[in-house]
């Protein structure tokens, strides 16, 4: 595309399993990958930044965010998942 001269910010929300009347194995794989990507984002952007703020003594308000590790473990955890 060309440059229209205007700026924009795109946001991708990948957290949350989609629920259809009938889910295929393919949809389960897509949902799992989306959950894994969201967990990585939460860990590396939200949790690590907040930990760094605490270490550096920066004043801030804690931001709570969902932890989807249980959903990931249900599918992938060795000896536990499907």
N, C-alpha and C. Protein backbone atom coordinates (compact mmCIF):
# COMPACT_ATOMS: atom_id res chain seq x y z
N UNK A 1 0.78 -1.17 0.00
CA UNK A 1 0.00 0.00 0.00
C UNK A 1 0.83 1.25 0.00
N UNK A 2 0.19 2.32 -0.36
CA UNK A 2 0.82 3.62 -0.38
C UNK A 2 0.75 4.30 0.96
N UNK A 3 1.40 5.41 1.05
CA UNK A 3 1.41 6.19 2.28
C UNK A 3 0.37 7.29 2.17
N UNK A 4 -0.66 7.18 2.96
CA UNK A 4 -1.74 8.17 2.91
C UNK A 4 -1.46 9.38 3.79
N UNK A 5 -0.37 9.34 4.53
CA UNK A 5 -0.03 10.46 5.39
C UNK A 5 -0.67 10.42 6.77
N UNK A 6 -1.51 9.44 7.03
CA UNK A 6 -2.13 9.33 8.36
C UNK A 6 -1.55 8.14 9.10
N UNK A 7 -1.45 8.28 10.40
CA UNK A 7 -0.91 7.22 11.25
C UNK A 7 -2.06 6.40 11.85
N UNK A 8 -1.75 5.17 12.19
CA UNK A 8 -2.74 4.34 12.84
C UNK A 8 -2.04 3.35 13.76
N UNK A 9 -2.79 2.84 14.71
CA UNK A 9 -2.31 1.79 15.61
C UNK A 9 -3.24 0.61 15.45
N UNK A 10 -2.69 -0.55 15.16
CA UNK A 10 -3.48 -1.76 15.05
C UNK A 10 -3.35 -2.59 16.31
N UNK A 11 -4.43 -3.18 16.78
CA UNK A 11 -4.43 -4.02 17.97
C UNK A 11 -5.01 -5.38 17.61
N UNK A 12 -4.32 -6.42 18.00
CA UNK A 12 -4.80 -7.78 17.77
C UNK A 12 -5.12 -8.41 19.11
N UNK A 13 -6.37 -8.77 19.32
CA UNK A 13 -6.79 -9.44 20.55
C UNK A 13 -6.88 -10.92 20.24
N UNK A 14 -5.97 -11.70 20.85
CA UNK A 14 -5.95 -13.13 20.56
C UNK A 14 -6.31 -13.97 21.77
N UNK A 15 -6.71 -13.33 22.86
CA UNK A 15 -7.03 -14.08 24.07
C UNK A 15 -8.45 -14.63 24.01
N UNK A 16 -8.63 -15.87 24.36
CA UNK A 16 -9.96 -16.46 24.47
C UNK A 16 -10.25 -17.50 23.41
N UNK A 17 -10.78 -18.61 23.85
CA UNK A 17 -11.18 -19.67 22.94
C UNK A 17 -12.48 -19.28 22.25
N UNK A 18 -12.55 -19.54 20.96
CA UNK A 18 -13.82 -19.35 20.26
C UNK A 18 -14.67 -20.58 20.51
N UNK A 19 -15.95 -20.39 20.66
CA UNK A 19 -16.86 -21.48 20.95
C UNK A 19 -17.94 -21.54 19.88
N UNK A 20 -17.91 -22.61 19.12
CA UNK A 20 -18.91 -22.83 18.09
C UNK A 20 -19.77 -24.02 18.50
N UNK A 21 -20.91 -24.20 17.83
CA UNK A 21 -21.74 -25.37 18.13
C UNK A 21 -20.96 -26.66 17.91
N UNK A 22 -20.13 -26.67 16.87
CA UNK A 22 -19.25 -27.81 16.59
C UNK A 22 -17.86 -27.26 16.34
N UNK A 23 -16.91 -27.66 17.16
CA UNK A 23 -15.52 -27.24 16.98
C UNK A 23 -14.73 -28.38 16.36
N UNK A 24 -13.96 -28.06 15.36
CA UNK A 24 -13.12 -29.06 14.70
C UNK A 24 -11.77 -29.12 15.41
N UNK A 25 -11.00 -30.15 15.11
CA UNK A 25 -9.64 -30.25 15.64
C UNK A 25 -8.82 -29.06 15.16
N UNK A 26 -9.05 -28.64 13.93
CA UNK A 26 -8.34 -27.48 13.39
C UNK A 26 -8.62 -26.23 14.24
N UNK A 27 -9.88 -26.03 14.65
CA UNK A 27 -10.22 -24.88 15.48
C UNK A 27 -9.56 -24.98 16.85
N UNK A 28 -9.49 -26.19 17.39
CA UNK A 28 -8.81 -26.39 18.67
C UNK A 28 -7.34 -25.98 18.55
N UNK A 29 -6.69 -26.37 17.46
CA UNK A 29 -5.28 -26.00 17.25
C UNK A 29 -5.12 -24.49 17.11
N UNK A 30 -6.02 -23.86 16.38
CA UNK A 30 -5.99 -22.40 16.23
C UNK A 30 -6.17 -21.73 17.58
N UNK A 31 -7.16 -22.18 18.34
CA UNK A 31 -7.42 -21.60 19.65
C UNK A 31 -6.22 -21.79 20.58
N UNK A 32 -5.63 -22.99 20.55
CA UNK A 32 -4.46 -23.25 21.40
C UNK A 32 -3.31 -22.30 21.05
N UNK A 33 -3.03 -22.14 19.77
CA UNK A 33 -1.95 -21.24 19.35
C UNK A 33 -2.23 -19.81 19.77
N UNK A 34 -3.47 -19.37 19.63
CA UNK A 34 -3.84 -18.02 20.06
C UNK A 34 -3.63 -17.84 21.56
N UNK A 35 -4.03 -18.85 22.33
CA UNK A 35 -3.84 -18.79 23.78
C UNK A 35 -2.36 -18.75 24.14
N UNK A 36 -1.55 -19.56 23.46
CA UNK A 36 -0.12 -19.59 23.74
C UNK A 36 0.53 -18.24 23.40
N UNK A 37 0.13 -17.64 22.29
CA UNK A 37 0.66 -16.32 21.93
C UNK A 37 0.25 -15.27 22.96
N UNK A 38 -0.99 -15.32 23.41
CA UNK A 38 -1.45 -14.35 24.41
C UNK A 38 -0.69 -14.53 25.71
N UNK A 39 -0.43 -15.76 26.11
CA UNK A 39 0.31 -16.03 27.34
C UNK A 39 1.72 -15.46 27.24
N UNK A 40 2.37 -15.63 26.09
CA UNK A 40 3.70 -15.06 25.90
C UNK A 40 3.66 -13.54 25.99
N UNK A 41 2.67 -12.94 25.37
CA UNK A 41 2.51 -11.48 25.44
C UNK A 41 2.34 -11.03 26.89
N UNK A 42 1.43 -11.70 27.61
CA UNK A 42 1.18 -11.34 29.01
C UNK A 42 2.46 -11.44 29.84
N UNK A 43 3.21 -12.51 29.62
CA UNK A 43 4.43 -12.73 30.40
C UNK A 43 5.49 -11.69 30.07
N UNK A 44 5.78 -11.52 28.80
CA UNK A 44 6.91 -10.69 28.42
C UNK A 44 6.60 -9.20 28.41
N UNK A 45 5.39 -8.82 28.18
CA UNK A 45 5.07 -7.39 28.14
C UNK A 45 4.51 -6.92 29.48
N UNK A 46 3.50 -7.59 29.99
CA UNK A 46 2.85 -7.11 31.20
C UNK A 46 3.60 -7.51 32.47
N UNK A 47 3.80 -8.80 32.68
CA UNK A 47 4.41 -9.26 33.93
C UNK A 47 5.84 -8.78 34.08
N UNK A 48 6.67 -8.96 33.06
CA UNK A 48 8.07 -8.56 33.17
C UNK A 48 8.24 -7.06 33.35
N UNK A 49 7.41 -6.27 32.67
CA UNK A 49 7.49 -4.82 32.84
C UNK A 49 7.13 -4.42 34.27
N UNK A 50 6.09 -5.04 34.81
CA UNK A 50 5.69 -4.70 36.18
C UNK A 50 6.76 -5.14 37.18
N UNK A 51 7.38 -6.29 36.94
CA UNK A 51 8.48 -6.74 37.81
C UNK A 51 9.64 -5.75 37.74
N UNK A 52 9.95 -5.26 36.54
CA UNK A 52 11.02 -4.30 36.37
C UNK A 52 10.71 -2.98 37.09
N UNK A 53 9.47 -2.54 37.01
CA UNK A 53 9.06 -1.32 37.71
C UNK A 53 9.31 -1.46 39.21
N UNK A 54 8.93 -2.62 39.76
CA UNK A 54 9.14 -2.86 41.19
C UNK A 54 10.62 -2.83 41.54
N UNK A 55 11.45 -3.49 40.72
CA UNK A 55 12.89 -3.54 40.98
C UNK A 55 13.52 -2.15 40.92
N UNK A 56 13.02 -1.31 40.05
CA UNK A 56 13.57 0.03 39.89
C UNK A 56 12.91 1.07 40.78
N UNK A 57 11.93 0.64 41.57
CA UNK A 57 11.26 1.55 42.49
C UNK A 57 10.38 2.59 41.81
N UNK A 58 9.88 2.26 40.63
CA UNK A 58 9.02 3.18 39.88
C UNK A 58 7.60 3.10 40.45
N UNK A 59 7.00 4.26 40.72
CA UNK A 59 5.62 4.29 41.21
C UNK A 59 4.68 3.96 40.05
N UNK A 60 3.76 3.05 40.29
CA UNK A 60 2.82 2.64 39.27
C UNK A 60 1.67 1.91 39.95
N UNK A 61 0.61 1.72 39.23
CA UNK A 61 -0.54 0.95 39.71
C UNK A 61 -0.51 -0.42 39.04
N UNK A 62 -0.63 -1.47 39.85
CA UNK A 62 -0.60 -2.83 39.32
C UNK A 62 -1.72 -3.03 38.31
N UNK A 63 -1.40 -3.65 37.20
CA UNK A 63 -2.38 -3.97 36.17
C UNK A 63 -2.63 -5.47 36.22
N UNK A 64 -3.86 -5.85 36.56
CA UNK A 64 -4.17 -7.28 36.58
C UNK A 64 -4.51 -7.73 35.16
N UNK A 65 -4.16 -8.95 34.86
CA UNK A 65 -4.44 -9.52 33.55
C UNK A 65 -4.71 -11.01 33.72
N UNK A 66 -5.51 -11.59 32.85
CA UNK A 66 -5.85 -13.00 33.01
C UNK A 66 -4.66 -13.91 32.74
N UNK A 67 -4.58 -14.97 33.51
CA UNK A 67 -3.55 -15.99 33.32
C UNK A 67 -4.22 -17.21 32.73
N UNK A 68 -3.88 -17.54 31.51
CA UNK A 68 -4.53 -18.65 30.82
C UNK A 68 -3.68 -19.92 30.84
N UNK A 69 -2.74 -20.01 31.79
CA UNK A 69 -1.86 -21.18 31.83
C UNK A 69 -2.63 -22.48 32.05
N UNK A 70 -3.69 -22.44 32.85
CA UNK A 70 -4.48 -23.66 33.09
C UNK A 70 -5.07 -24.21 31.79
N UNK A 71 -5.55 -23.32 30.93
CA UNK A 71 -6.11 -23.75 29.64
C UNK A 71 -5.01 -24.35 28.77
N UNK A 72 -3.83 -23.76 28.79
CA UNK A 72 -2.72 -24.28 28.00
C UNK A 72 -2.28 -25.65 28.53
N UNK A 73 -2.19 -25.77 29.87
CA UNK A 73 -1.78 -27.04 30.47
C UNK A 73 -2.76 -28.16 30.15
N UNK A 74 -4.04 -27.83 30.09
CA UNK A 74 -5.06 -28.83 29.79
C UNK A 74 -4.78 -29.52 28.46
N UNK A 75 -4.22 -28.78 27.53
CA UNK A 75 -3.95 -29.33 26.20
C UNK A 75 -2.52 -29.85 26.07
N UNK A 76 -1.54 -29.13 26.61
CA UNK A 76 -0.16 -29.38 26.24
C UNK A 76 0.72 -30.00 27.31
N UNK A 77 0.42 -29.82 28.60
CA UNK A 77 1.32 -30.23 29.68
C UNK A 77 1.60 -31.73 29.64
N UNK A 78 2.88 -32.07 29.64
CA UNK A 78 3.31 -33.46 29.56
C UNK A 78 2.79 -34.25 30.76
N UNK A 79 2.16 -35.40 30.48
CA UNK A 79 1.62 -36.24 31.52
C UNK A 79 0.29 -35.78 32.07
N UNK A 80 -0.22 -34.66 31.57
CA UNK A 80 -1.45 -34.08 32.09
C UNK A 80 -2.42 -33.71 30.98
N UNK A 81 -1.88 -33.14 29.93
CA UNK A 81 -2.71 -32.64 28.83
C UNK A 81 -3.17 -33.72 27.88
N UNK A 82 -4.05 -33.31 26.97
CA UNK A 82 -4.57 -34.26 25.99
C UNK A 82 -3.57 -34.47 24.88
